[in-house]
Amino acid sequence: MQFKQTLVRLIFLLTPFAAFSQTTYLPEGARENFLLERLEIKAQTDSILNFSKIKPFSRKEYIGHLAQFDTSSLTKVDQYNYNIALINNPEWSTQKFTSKKSFLKSFYKSPAHFYEVYTKDFSFILNPVFQFYLGKESNYSERLFFNGRGVSLRGQLAHKISFDAYITDNQERDPLYVQQLSIEHHFVPGEGFYKPFKTTGYDYFDGRGSITFNATKFIDVQFGYDKNFIGNGYRSLFLSDNSSPYLFLKLNTRVWKFNYENLFMELNSAQHLQPDTLWPKKYAVMHHLDLAITKWLNVGAFEAIVFGRANHFEFGYLNPVIFYRSIELQNGSPDNALVGFDAKANVAHKFQVYGQLLLDEFVFAEIKKNRGFWGNKYAWQLGAKYIDAFNIKNLDLQIESNRVRPFTYSHSDSVSNYTHYNQPLAHPLGANFQELIGVARYQPFDRWMIVAKLIYYMQGKDTGSLTYGGNIFLPSLPSYRNGDYGYDIGSGIRSKTAYSSFLVSYEWKPNFFIELNGVFRKESATAIAPAKNTSVVYFGIRWNMQRREFDY
């Protein structure tokens, strides 16, 4: 409660200075993201698109810039995607797209939006949200399904305050390997509170929303309940969008060659959360600085602190420009502190190379001795993208490797670990793994998309209350781990998993997709469990909604 009151006070202090045109943000999984990614690599030196590490993207910043983009070199498919991006975001486009025939004269006046209002001091866009699919798993008699429906809306008030909201009511039954994870850690992937549905299914609301204004010309302030992502990879080792939405205050400053983001977050502690009770809170503060070294090379620095206090927020962490670790040390070093560095380079108008290095804890002397010291907690990511691969238009390839040492993201207590709502804040596997990802995305025609994905990882898993560094929810205290040395990737119960999927998607109308998806997953036998092989086929439709995926 104190955290919420503090954020509200900050908003009221900043609001009187808001005097510039406001923005909303592209939703999680927005189709525009793929176009922006391609255009950034093609342009190579674009001063706006190259600041692509922070997601979700600002509609004002990116779509407004896109509307001025030189489209003469775009392929036919890119031109289609470009037009859809402008149709989806009419408030930031000078082009006007009208439907051939509206519905009852007031609805679908433009092809992508159910209802729109534009006046001098007010704009408003309302859309239905819907997704339904059925699936069959090879070794499971129950039918898999997802049924989600709701609304999304956004708008502006007097060009000073923007708002957006999204709410859906959902029921689903997931594959067996997802159900097993849900049982072990008491969560539904990417979501918060849930109830049982038809014994093996889940029933939950997904509600998100935010308000945004400018504190000054260069600083956007967003107060919301949603997700964020930091990085250029398929995964992120800093902050990912695979966990539940959370309450946050975000300051984003873009000036000269800098983009600087501050995040102040209220999170849920990890435990079996029961209804009709006050759930314990914890907090996180993060900042990321992105610097354009050259027109094609960006480097960044990241820092995060996760901490728990009984009815108390650590106000020193509200300083947006201080080195958080210095405050944490002055408090006696009780909190979980992480730092990181990243880089991204666009090369030859065809390639993007990116990487992240995360440091949780480490002792340099122990690294040199190479004895597998438990406290050497770090992770790295290295990846590359290749667009229009082998001169095949709109064939994009991506390869990525992620490696996370045992005990990374964990802490000496069970509160300050790098998690929210029983799910990791960064990589969905937690720690103690090596992962390789390959993605091929091909759009042969305007409305058709084919995506093939292959993921392979090796992970050391824990047993019971004894940890080898894979289960980041367990404390890293000596009573939970067996000694100080001998830890490496795969320590514990070594497991190998291969995941592959193949998706065919057809866009019937703007943001209305008909899809067929096949998944094959193979998990090796371990000392305590037999091999687990499964395949799943899905068929469904979705409208203004992100696909549900369980790709691990």
Protein backbone atom coordinates (compact mmCIF):
# COMPACT_ATOMS: atom_id res chain seq x y z
CA MET A 1 0.00 0.00 0.00
CA GLN A 2 2.83 2.39 0.88
CA PHE A 3 4.46 1.68 -2.48
CA LYS A 4 1.24 2.52 -4.36
CA GLN A 5 0.76 5.74 -2.38
CA THR A 6 4.33 6.78 -3.12
CA LEU A 7 3.92 6.21 -6.86
CA VAL A 8 0.62 8.10 -6.94
CA ARG A 9 2.26 11.08 -5.19
CA LEU A 10 5.08 11.07 -7.71
CA ILE A 11 2.56 11.07 -10.56
CA PHE A 12 0.69 14.05 -9.15
CA LEU A 13 3.97 15.91 -8.69
CA LEU A 14 4.93 15.32 -12.31
CA THR A 15 1.53 15.73 -13.97
CA PRO A 16 1.38 19.57 -13.98
CA PHE A 17 4.41 19.63 -16.27
CA ALA A 18 2.81 17.40 -18.89
CA ALA A 19 2.36 19.54 -21.98
CA PHE A 20 3.37 17.44 -24.94
CA SER A 21 1.64 14.92 -27.18
CA GLN A 22 1.19 11.60 -25.38
CA THR A 23 1.54 7.98 -26.38
CA THR A 24 0.29 4.49 -25.74
CA TYR A 25 2.36 1.36 -26.33
CA LEU A 26 2.19 -1.54 -28.76
CA PRO A 27 0.78 -4.58 -26.93
CA GLU A 28 2.74 -7.71 -26.09
CA GLY A 29 3.29 -9.77 -29.23
CA ALA A 30 2.14 -6.98 -31.59
CA ARG A 31 2.59 -7.87 -35.27
CA GLU A 32 4.19 -4.44 -35.84
CA ASN A 33 7.24 -5.58 -33.85
CA PHE A 34 8.40 -7.88 -36.66
CA LEU A 35 8.20 -5.11 -39.25
CA LEU A 36 10.06 -2.67 -37.01
CA GLU A 37 12.76 -5.28 -36.44
CA ARG A 38 13.21 -5.82 -40.19
CA LEU A 39 13.25 -2.11 -41.02
CA GLU A 40 15.80 -1.40 -38.30
CA ILE A 41 18.23 -3.95 -39.77
CA LYS A 42 17.54 -2.81 -43.37
CA ALA A 43 18.09 0.86 -42.53
CA GLN A 44 21.07 0.00 -40.27
CA THR A 45 21.68 3.59 -39.14
CA ASP A 46 18.17 4.79 -38.25
CA SER A 47 18.42 6.97 -35.12
CA ILE A 48 14.92 6.05 -33.91
CA LEU A 49 14.56 2.36 -34.78
CA ASN A 50 18.02 1.50 -33.43
CA PHE A 51 16.83 2.09 -29.84
CA SER A 52 14.99 -1.23 -29.92
CA LYS A 53 16.09 -2.88 -26.66
CA ILE A 54 13.19 -1.55 -24.61
CA LYS A 55 9.75 -3.06 -25.20
CA PRO A 56 6.86 -2.44 -25.52
CA PHE A 57 7.47 0.18 -28.20
CA SER A 58 5.98 3.66 -27.96
CA ARG A 59 3.37 4.21 -30.66
CA LYS A 60 4.24 7.89 -30.85
CA GLU A 61 7.97 7.22 -31.20
CA TYR A 62 7.95 4.25 -33.57
CA ILE A 63 4.71 4.45 -35.55
CA GLY A 64 5.01 8.21 -35.85
CA HIS A 65 8.49 7.70 -37.26
CA LEU A 66 7.30 4.83 -39.45
CA ALA A 67 4.72 7.08 -41.06
CA GLN A 68 7.61 9.22 -42.39
CA PHE A 69 9.69 6.23 -43.51
CA ASP A 70 10.92 5.94 -47.11
CA THR A 71 9.00 2.93 -48.45
CA SER A 72 10.45 2.89 -51.97
CA SER A 73 12.72 -0.09 -51.24
CA LEU A 74 10.13 -2.21 -49.42
CA THR A 75 9.11 -5.59 -50.77
CA LYS A 76 5.46 -6.15 -51.62
CA VAL A 77 4.98 -8.10 -48.38
CA ASP A 78 6.74 -5.42 -46.31
CA GLN A 79 4.52 -2.80 -47.92
CA TYR A 80 1.47 -4.81 -46.84
CA ASN A 81 2.83 -5.05 -43.28
CA TYR A 82 3.65 -1.34 -43.35
CA ASN A 83 0.07 -0.46 -44.35
CA ILE A 84 -1.35 -2.73 -41.63
CA ALA A 85 0.90 -1.01 -39.06
CA LEU A 86 -0.51 2.38 -40.06
CA ILE A 87 -4.08 1.02 -40.16
CA ASN A 88 -3.62 -0.35 -36.63
CA ASN A 89 -2.31 2.98 -35.31
CA PRO A 90 -4.32 5.74 -37.04
CA GLU A 91 -3.66 8.29 -34.28
CA TRP A 92 -0.01 8.46 -35.40
CA SER A 93 -0.48 8.21 -39.16
CA THR A 94 -1.19 11.02 -41.62
CA GLN A 95 -2.69 8.49 -44.04
CA LYS A 96 -6.38 7.74 -43.63
CA PHE A 97 -7.71 4.23 -44.23
CA THR A 98 -11.47 3.79 -44.52
CA SER A 99 -13.50 0.62 -44.79
CA LYS A 100 -15.34 -0.11 -48.01
CA LYS A 101 -18.43 -0.66 -45.93
CA SER A 102 -18.91 0.25 -42.26
CA PHE A 103 -21.10 -1.69 -39.83
CA LEU A 104 -24.30 0.12 -38.75
CA LYS A 105 -22.61 3.35 -39.91
CA SER A 106 -20.77 3.78 -36.60
CA PHE A 107 -18.61 0.66 -36.38
CA TYR A 108 -15.61 -0.40 -38.45
CA LYS A 109 -15.29 2.91 -40.22
CA SER A 110 -11.66 1.88 -40.66
CA PRO A 111 -10.59 -1.72 -41.42
CA ALA A 112 -8.90 -2.54 -38.09
CA HIS A 113 -10.98 -0.90 -35.36
CA PHE A 114 -14.44 -1.68 -34.04
CA TYR A 115 -15.17 1.84 -32.75
CA GLU A 116 -13.20 5.10 -33.03
CA VAL A 117 -13.66 8.67 -31.84
CA TYR A 118 -11.42 11.61 -32.80
CA THR A 119 -12.08 15.15 -31.57
CA LYS A 120 -9.88 18.12 -30.77
CA ASP A 121 -9.26 17.09 -27.15
CA PHE A 122 -10.22 13.42 -27.09
CA SER A 123 -9.50 10.26 -29.03
CA PHE A 124 -10.71 6.75 -28.30
CA ILE A 125 -10.30 3.32 -29.93
CA LEU A 126 -12.20 0.21 -28.82
CA ASN A 127 -11.66 -3.34 -30.11
CA PRO A 128 -12.93 -6.83 -29.25
CA VAL A 129 -10.36 -9.41 -28.17
CA PHE A 130 -10.93 -13.07 -28.88
CA GLN A 131 -8.98 -16.31 -29.19
CA PHE A 132 -10.14 -19.90 -29.42
CA TYR A 133 -8.21 -23.03 -30.24
CA LEU A 134 -8.50 -26.78 -29.80
CA GLY A 135 -5.57 -29.15 -29.49
CA LYS A 136 -4.83 -32.86 -29.25
CA GLU A 137 -1.83 -34.23 -27.36
CA SER A 138 -0.49 -37.62 -28.39
CA ASN A 139 -0.34 -39.21 -24.93
CA TYR A 140 -3.25 -37.40 -23.26
CA SER A 141 -6.92 -38.29 -23.50
CA GLU A 142 -8.22 -34.84 -22.50
CA ARG A 143 -8.80 -32.21 -25.19
CA LEU A 144 -6.50 -29.18 -24.99
CA PHE A 145 -8.18 -25.82 -25.47
CA PHE A 146 -7.98 -22.08 -24.95
CA ASN A 147 -10.99 -19.77 -24.84
CA GLY A 148 -10.30 -16.09 -24.25
CA ARG A 149 -12.51 -13.06 -24.91
CA GLY A 150 -12.56 -9.46 -23.82
CA VAL A 151 -11.87 -5.89 -24.93
CA SER A 152 -8.97 -3.54 -25.46
CA LEU A 153 -9.15 0.24 -25.51
CA ARG A 154 -6.88 3.24 -25.70
CA GLY A 155 -7.13 6.99 -26.07
CA GLN A 156 -5.88 10.48 -25.31
CA LEU A 157 -7.16 13.37 -23.22
CA ALA A 158 -6.37 16.91 -24.36
CA HIS A 159 -3.11 15.64 -25.91
CA LYS A 160 -1.68 15.50 -22.38
CA ILE A 161 -2.62 12.12 -20.95
CA SER A 162 -2.86 8.79 -22.75
CA PHE A 163 -4.58 5.70 -21.38
CA ASP A 164 -4.96 2.08 -22.38
CA ALA A 165 -6.67 -0.98 -20.93
CA TYR A 166 -6.97 -4.66 -21.78
CA ILE A 167 -9.08 -7.28 -20.04
CA THR A 168 -9.96 -10.85 -20.98
CA ASP A 169 -11.73 -13.77 -19.32
CA ASN A 170 -9.91 -17.01 -20.12
CA GLN A 171 -10.25 -20.75 -19.71
CA GLU A 172 -7.60 -23.20 -20.86
CA ARG A 173 -6.23 -26.73 -20.58
CA ASP A 174 -2.51 -26.99 -21.31
CA PRO A 175 -0.20 -29.84 -22.36
CA LEU A 176 0.91 -32.25 -19.65
CA TYR A 177 4.42 -30.83 -19.30
CA VAL A 178 2.94 -27.37 -18.67
CA GLN A 179 0.46 -28.79 -16.16
CA GLN A 180 3.34 -30.44 -14.30
CA LEU A 181 5.17 -27.11 -14.00
CA SER A 182 1.97 -25.42 -12.85
CA ILE A 183 1.48 -28.02 -10.12
CA GLU A 184 5.09 -27.77 -8.93
CA HIS A 185 5.22 -23.96 -8.75
CA HIS A 186 1.53 -22.95 -8.47
CA PHE A 187 1.23 -20.74 -11.53
CA VAL A 188 -0.35 -20.46 -14.97
CA PRO A 189 2.33 -19.35 -17.48
CA GLY A 190 2.36 -15.60 -17.93
CA GLU A 191 -0.65 -15.03 -15.68
CA GLY A 192 -1.54 -14.28 -12.08
CA PHE A 193 -4.34 -15.56 -9.87
CA TYR A 194 -6.29 -18.49 -11.30
CA LYS A 195 -8.97 -21.01 -10.34
CA PRO A 196 -9.35 -24.67 -11.35
CA PHE A 197 -11.55 -25.30 -14.37
CA LYS A 198 -12.90 -28.74 -15.27
CA THR A 199 -10.36 -30.41 -12.94
CA THR A 200 -7.29 -30.11 -15.20
CA GLY A 201 -7.91 -26.65 -16.64
CA TYR A 202 -7.52 -23.08 -15.44
CA ASP A 203 -9.84 -20.09 -15.27
CA TYR A 204 -8.39 -16.58 -14.92
CA PHE A 205 -8.74 -12.90 -15.79
CA ASP A 206 -5.98 -11.04 -17.57
CA GLY A 207 -6.36 -7.35 -16.80
CA ARG A 208 -3.83 -4.67 -17.75
CA GLY A 209 -3.82 -0.91 -18.09
CA SER A 210 -1.75 2.26 -17.81
CA ILE A 211 -1.72 6.02 -18.08
CA THR A 212 1.12 7.95 -19.73
CA PHE A 213 2.20 11.58 -19.85
CA ASN A 214 5.29 13.68 -20.54
CA ALA A 215 7.13 15.15 -17.58
CA THR A 216 9.23 17.16 -20.06
CA LYS A 217 9.78 17.06 -23.80
CA PHE A 218 12.22 14.15 -23.46
CA ILE A 219 10.75 12.14 -20.55
CA ASP A 220 7.72 9.84 -20.80
CA VAL A 221 6.13 8.71 -17.53
CA GLN A 222 3.98 5.57 -17.49
CA PHE A 223 2.09 4.24 -14.48
CA GLY A 224 0.54 0.87 -15.17
CA TYR A 225 -0.10 -2.78 -14.56
CA ASP A 226 1.47 -4.76 -17.39
CA LYS A 227 4.72 -6.39 -18.59
CA ASN A 228 8.04 -5.08 -19.90
CA PHE A 229 10.97 -6.55 -21.84
CA ILE A 230 14.64 -5.53 -22.11
CA GLY A 231 16.76 -6.91 -24.93
CA ASN A 232 16.88 -7.82 -28.62
CA GLY A 233 16.76 -11.59 -28.17
CA TYR A 234 14.06 -14.19 -28.29
CA ARG A 235 14.71 -14.49 -24.55
CA SER A 236 15.98 -11.86 -22.14
CA LEU A 237 18.36 -12.42 -19.25
CA PHE A 238 17.55 -8.98 -17.80
CA LEU A 239 13.75 -8.69 -17.83
CA SER A 240 11.33 -10.80 -19.85
CA ASP A 241 7.57 -10.81 -20.44
CA ASN A 242 6.99 -14.47 -19.51
CA SER A 243 5.80 -13.78 -15.94
CA SER A 244 2.53 -12.27 -14.70
CA PRO A 245 1.77 -8.54 -15.17
CA TYR A 246 2.82 -6.28 -12.28
CA LEU A 247 2.34 -2.76 -10.98
CA PHE A 248 5.05 -0.38 -12.15
CA LEU A 249 6.11 3.22 -12.62
CA LYS A 250 8.32 3.74 -15.67
CA LEU A 251 10.37 6.78 -16.63
CA ASN A 252 11.80 6.73 -20.15
CA THR A 253 14.23 9.45 -21.16
CA ARG A 254 15.35 9.76 -24.77
CA VAL A 255 17.75 12.57 -25.63
CA TRP A 256 20.78 12.90 -27.93
CA LYS A 257 22.38 9.42 -28.18
CA PHE A 258 20.83 8.11 -24.96
CA ASN A 259 17.75 6.14 -24.05
CA TYR A 260 17.45 5.69 -20.30
CA GLU A 261 14.66 3.70 -18.62
CA ASN A 262 13.77 3.49 -14.93
CA LEU A 263 11.36 0.85 -13.60
CA PHE A 264 9.91 0.78 -10.08
CA MET A 265 7.91 -2.41 -9.56
CA GLU A 266 5.67 -4.05 -6.96
CA LEU A 267 5.79 -7.86 -7.14
CA ASN A 268 4.28 -10.91 -5.43
CA SER A 269 6.47 -13.16 -3.29
CA ALA A 270 6.76 -16.83 -4.27
CA GLN A 271 4.43 -19.18 -2.45
CA HIS A 272 1.13 -21.02 -2.84
CA LEU A 273 -1.17 -18.00 -3.02
CA GLN A 274 -4.63 -18.52 -1.55
CA PRO A 275 -7.74 -16.42 -2.27
CA ASP A 276 -9.33 -14.05 0.26
CA THR A 277 -6.00 -13.24 1.91
CA LEU A 278 -3.55 -10.33 1.65
CA TRP A 279 -0.62 -11.63 -0.36
CA PRO A 280 2.87 -10.58 0.69
CA LYS A 281 4.67 -8.10 -1.55
CA LYS A 282 8.21 -7.50 -2.59
CA TYR A 283 9.72 -4.81 -4.78
CA ALA A 284 12.15 -4.34 -7.63
CA VAL A 285 13.92 -1.32 -9.08
CA MET A 286 15.70 -1.44 -12.42
CA HIS A 287 17.35 0.92 -14.83
CA HIS A 288 18.81 0.44 -18.28
CA LEU A 289 20.94 2.91 -20.20
CA ASP A 290 21.23 2.46 -23.97
CA LEU A 291 23.92 4.46 -25.79
CA ALA A 292 24.35 4.79 -29.57
CA ILE A 293 28.14 4.51 -29.89
CA THR A 294 27.85 4.77 -33.66
CA LYS A 295 24.86 4.91 -36.00
CA TRP A 296 24.83 1.09 -36.19
CA LEU A 297 26.18 0.04 -32.75
CA ASN A 298 24.39 0.35 -29.40
CA VAL A 299 25.76 -0.66 -26.02
CA GLY A 300 23.90 -0.67 -22.72
CA ALA A 301 24.21 -1.03 -18.96
CA PHE A 302 21.59 -2.58 -16.68
CA GLU A 303 21.10 -2.74 -12.93
CA ALA A 304 18.38 -4.29 -10.78
CA ILE A 305 17.61 -4.72 -7.09
CA VAL A 306 14.92 -7.07 -5.74
CA PHE A 307 14.07 -6.64 -2.08
CA GLY A 308 11.45 -7.42 0.54
CA ARG A 309 10.50 -5.24 3.50
CA ALA A 310 7.67 -5.73 5.95
CA ASN A 311 5.31 -2.85 5.13
CA HIS A 312 8.21 -0.69 4.00
CA PHE A 313 9.57 0.51 0.66
CA GLU A 314 13.24 1.47 0.50
CA PHE A 315 12.94 5.11 -0.57
CA GLY A 316 16.60 5.47 -1.47
CA TYR A 317 15.91 3.32 -4.51
CA LEU A 318 13.57 5.99 -5.89
CA ASN A 319 16.61 8.03 -6.96
CA PRO A 320 16.51 7.57 -10.75
CA VAL A 321 20.19 8.27 -11.46
CA ILE A 322 22.09 6.67 -8.58
CA PHE A 323 24.01 3.41 -8.70
CA TYR A 324 21.58 1.14 -6.80
CA ARG A 325 24.31 -1.13 -5.48
CA SER A 326 25.75 1.76 -3.45
CA ILE A 327 22.44 2.22 -1.63
CA GLU A 328 22.12 -1.54 -1.12
CA LEU A 329 25.60 -1.63 0.48
CA GLN A 330 24.75 1.28 2.79
CA ASN A 331 21.72 -0.69 4.01
CA GLY A 332 23.89 -3.67 4.98
CA SER A 333 23.70 -5.49 1.63
CA PRO A 334 20.51 -7.45 2.39
CA ASP A 335 19.03 -7.35 -1.11
CA ASN A 336 19.42 -9.21 -4.40
CA ALA A 337 21.55 -7.01 -6.66
CA LEU A 338 22.27 -7.69 -10.34
CA VAL A 339 24.16 -5.76 -13.00
CA GLY A 340 24.43 -6.37 -16.72
CA PHE A 341 25.83 -5.16 -20.01
CA ASP A 342 24.44 -5.58 -23.52
CA ALA A 343 25.30 -4.70 -27.09
CA LYS A 344 23.63 -4.77 -30.50
CA ALA A 345 25.05 -4.11 -33.95
CA ASN A 346 23.31 -3.86 -37.34
CA VAL A 347 25.61 -5.00 -40.14
CA ALA A 348 25.46 -4.87 -43.96
CA HIS A 349 21.71 -4.08 -43.97
CA LYS A 350 21.14 -7.83 -43.50
CA PHE A 351 22.36 -8.87 -40.06
CA GLN A 352 21.94 -7.99 -36.43
CA VAL A 353 24.28 -9.36 -33.76
CA TYR A 354 23.32 -8.95 -30.11
CA GLY A 355 24.27 -10.15 -26.65
CA GLN A 356 23.77 -9.76 -22.90
CA LEU A 357 26.03 -10.39 -19.92
CA LEU A 358 24.41 -10.59 -16.46
CA LEU A 359 26.40 -10.59 -13.22
CA ASP A 360 24.58 -11.61 -10.06
CA GLU A 361 27.54 -12.43 -7.82
CA PHE A 362 31.08 -13.58 -8.50
CA VAL A 363 34.51 -13.85 -6.90
CA PHE A 364 37.20 -13.24 -9.49
CA ALA A 365 39.76 -15.34 -7.64
CA GLU A 366 37.36 -18.29 -7.68
CA ILE A 367 36.73 -17.84 -11.40
CA LYS A 368 40.48 -18.20 -12.01
CA LYS A 369 40.68 -21.29 -9.80
CA ASN A 370 37.79 -22.87 -11.74
CA ARG A 371 36.52 -24.97 -8.82
CA GLY A 372 32.82 -24.51 -9.55
CA PHE A 373 32.23 -22.05 -6.73
CA TRP A 374 28.50 -21.70 -6.05
CA GLY A 375 28.76 -17.90 -5.67
CA ASN A 376 29.97 -17.36 -9.22
CA LYS A 377 26.50 -16.50 -10.47
CA TYR A 378 26.39 -15.07 -13.97
CA ALA A 379 24.72 -15.56 -17.35
CA TRP A 380 25.30 -14.64 -20.96
CA GLN A 381 23.38 -14.48 -24.22
CA LEU A 382 24.69 -14.32 -27.78
CA GLY A 383 22.49 -14.17 -30.86
CA ALA A 384 22.18 -13.11 -34.49
CA LYS A 385 19.39 -12.29 -36.96
CA TYR A 386 19.58 -12.60 -40.73
CA ILE A 387 16.79 -10.98 -42.75
CA ASP A 388 15.91 -11.83 -46.35
CA ALA A 389 18.19 -14.82 -45.85
CA PHE A 390 19.97 -16.23 -48.90
CA ASN A 391 18.27 -13.50 -50.98
CA ILE A 392 14.83 -15.01 -50.30
CA LYS A 393 12.53 -12.08 -49.64
CA ASN A 394 10.86 -12.05 -46.22
CA LEU A 395 12.70 -15.13 -44.96
CA ASP A 396 14.18 -14.19 -41.59
CA LEU A 397 16.43 -16.43 -39.49
CA GLN A 398 17.50 -16.11 -35.88
CA ILE A 399 19.90 -18.14 -33.76
CA GLU A 400 20.49 -17.59 -30.06
CA SER A 401 22.42 -19.20 -27.23
CA ASN A 402 21.69 -18.63 -23.53
CA ARG A 403 23.82 -19.92 -20.67
CA VAL A 404 22.97 -19.34 -16.99
CA ARG A 405 25.16 -20.56 -14.13
CA PRO A 406 23.70 -22.38 -11.09
CA PHE A 407 22.16 -20.17 -8.38
CA THR A 408 21.94 -17.11 -10.67
CA TYR A 409 18.83 -15.01 -9.80
CA SER A 410 18.42 -16.83 -6.44
CA HIS A 411 19.10 -15.20 -3.06
CA SER A 412 19.81 -16.09 0.54
CA ASP A 413 16.11 -15.83 1.37
CA SER A 414 13.01 -17.04 -0.47
CA VAL A 415 11.62 -13.50 -0.94
CA SER A 416 14.28 -11.54 -2.85
CA ASN A 417 14.80 -14.06 -5.62
CA TYR A 418 14.36 -12.72 -9.16
CA THR A 419 10.75 -13.87 -9.53
CA HIS A 420 7.18 -12.64 -9.58
CA TYR A 421 4.03 -14.62 -8.95
CA ASN A 422 5.95 -17.92 -8.78
CA GLN A 423 7.58 -17.30 -12.17
CA PRO A 424 11.08 -16.10 -13.17
CA LEU A 425 11.33 -12.45 -14.17
CA ALA A 426 13.99 -13.22 -16.77
CA HIS A 427 14.42 -16.58 -18.52
CA PRO A 428 11.51 -19.04 -18.00
CA LEU A 429 13.93 -21.91 -17.20
CA GLY A 430 15.35 -20.11 -14.17
CA ALA A 431 19.04 -21.09 -13.88
CA ASN A 432 21.57 -23.89 -14.32
CA PHE A 433 21.04 -24.45 -18.06
CA GLN A 434 22.48 -24.07 -21.54
CA GLU A 435 20.00 -23.31 -24.33
CA LEU A 436 20.16 -23.05 -28.10
CA ILE A 437 17.30 -21.51 -30.11
CA GLY A 438 16.72 -21.38 -33.86
CA VAL A 439 13.78 -19.54 -35.45
CA ALA A 440 12.83 -19.27 -39.14
CA ARG A 441 10.05 -16.85 -40.07
CA TYR A 442 8.83 -16.75 -43.68
CA GLN A 443 6.07 -14.62 -45.14
CA PRO A 444 5.70 -15.83 -48.76
CA PHE A 445 2.53 -13.80 -49.45
CA ASP A 446 0.78 -10.81 -47.91
CA ARG A 447 -1.52 -12.69 -45.56
CA TRP A 448 0.47 -15.88 -44.97
CA MET A 449 3.09 -16.47 -42.28
CA ILE A 450 5.11 -19.64 -41.61
CA VAL A 451 7.19 -19.95 -38.44
CA ALA A 452 9.45 -22.88 -37.61
CA LYS A 453 11.14 -23.06 -34.22
CA LEU A 454 13.70 -25.39 -32.68
CA ILE A 455 14.83 -25.16 -29.05
CA TYR A 456 17.28 -27.44 -27.29
CA TYR A 457 18.44 -27.11 -23.71
CA MET A 458 20.32 -29.02 -21.05
CA GLN A 459 19.48 -28.21 -17.44
CA GLY A 460 20.50 -29.44 -14.02
CA LYS A 461 17.34 -29.89 -11.98
CA ASP A 462 16.89 -29.99 -8.23
CA THR A 463 15.29 -32.64 -6.06
CA GLY A 464 13.06 -31.76 -3.13
CA SER A 465 14.55 -29.11 -0.85
CA LEU A 466 18.15 -29.80 -1.98
CA THR A 467 19.24 -27.32 -4.62
CA TYR A 468 21.95 -27.54 -7.24
CA GLY A 469 21.14 -24.03 -8.41
CA GLY A 470 18.34 -24.67 -10.90
CA ASN A 471 15.33 -23.82 -8.75
CA ILE A 472 15.75 -20.09 -8.15
CA PHE A 473 12.86 -20.04 -5.66
CA LEU A 474 14.92 -21.97 -3.08
CA PRO A 475 17.31 -19.98 -0.84
CA SER A 476 21.01 -20.34 -1.68
CA LEU A 477 21.92 -20.98 1.97
CA PRO A 478 24.21 -23.89 2.97
CA SER A 479 21.26 -25.77 4.47
CA TYR A 480 19.74 -26.00 0.97
CA ARG A 481 22.89 -26.67 -1.05
CA ASN A 482 25.44 -29.41 -0.62
CA GLY A 483 28.77 -27.58 -0.18
CA ASP A 484 30.40 -24.58 -1.83
CA TYR A 485 32.18 -26.14 -4.83
CA GLY A 486 31.66 -28.44 -7.77
CA TYR A 487 28.79 -26.57 -9.43
CA ASP A 488 28.61 -26.25 -13.21
CA ILE A 489 25.90 -26.18 -15.86
CA GLY A 490 24.01 -29.45 -15.48
CA SER A 491 24.84 -30.08 -11.81
CA GLY A 492 22.11 -32.08 -10.09
CA ILE A 493 19.69 -34.19 -12.11
CA ARG A 494 20.82 -33.56 -15.69
CA SER A 495 17.97 -33.34 -18.19
CA LYS A 496 17.96 -32.65 -21.93
CA THR A 497 14.94 -31.31 -23.78
CA ALA A 498 14.26 -30.70 -27.48
CA TYR A 499 11.27 -28.61 -28.50
CA SER A 500 10.14 -27.94 -32.07
CA SER A 501 7.08 -26.23 -33.52
CA PHE A 502 5.70 -25.37 -36.94
CA LEU A 503 3.05 -22.69 -37.39
CA VAL A 504 1.02 -21.73 -40.45
CA SER A 505 -0.98 -18.53 -40.03
CA TYR A 506 -3.41 -16.76 -42.38
CA GLU A 507 -4.59 -13.18 -41.76
CA TRP A 508 -8.18 -13.12 -42.99
CA LYS A 509 -8.87 -9.56 -41.85
CA PRO A 510 -6.56 -7.06 -40.11
CA ASN A 511 -5.50 -8.75 -36.83
CA PHE A 512 -7.83 -11.74 -37.38
CA PHE A 513 -5.77 -14.92 -37.81
CA ILE A 514 -6.62 -18.53 -38.67
CA GLU A 515 -3.80 -20.83 -37.50
CA LEU A 516 -2.57 -24.39 -37.51
CA ASN A 517 0.30 -25.27 -35.19
CA GLY A 518 2.19 -28.49 -34.49
CA VAL A 519 4.54 -29.09 -31.53
CA PHE A 520 6.90 -31.93 -30.76
CA ARG A 521 8.72 -32.12 -27.42
CA LYS A 522 11.21 -34.73 -26.26
CA GLU A 523 12.64 -34.83 -22.72
CA SER A 524 15.42 -37.28 -21.94
CA ALA A 525 15.31 -39.89 -19.18
CA THR A 526 17.00 -38.95 -15.91
CA ALA A 527 18.07 -40.81 -12.79
CA ILE A 528 14.63 -40.24 -11.27
CA ALA A 529 12.23 -40.08 -14.24
CA PRO A 530 11.68 -41.85 -17.59
CA ALA A 531 11.86 -40.11 -20.96
CA LYS A 532 8.85 -37.97 -21.87
CA ASN A 533 7.93 -37.53 -25.51
CA THR A 534 4.83 -35.74 -26.69
CA SER A 535 3.35 -34.10 -29.78
CA VAL A 536 0.49 -31.64 -29.99
CA VAL A 537 -1.58 -30.30 -32.89
CA TYR A 538 -3.55 -27.07 -32.47
CA PHE A 539 -6.10 -25.35 -34.67
CA GLY A 540 -7.69 -22.04 -33.83
CA ILE A 541 -8.50 -18.41 -34.51
CA ARG A 542 -7.45 -15.24 -32.73
CA TRP A 543 -8.50 -11.64 -33.03
CA ASN A 544 -6.50 -8.73 -31.56
CA MET A 545 -4.81 -11.13 -29.14
CA GLN A 546 -1.36 -12.64 -28.70
CA ARG A 547 -0.87 -16.38 -29.23
CA ARG A 548 -0.44 -18.60 -26.17
CA GLU A 549 2.86 -20.49 -26.43
CA PHE A 550 4.71 -22.80 -24.05
CA ASP A 551 8.07 -23.03 -25.80
CA TYR A 552 10.37 -24.64 -23.24
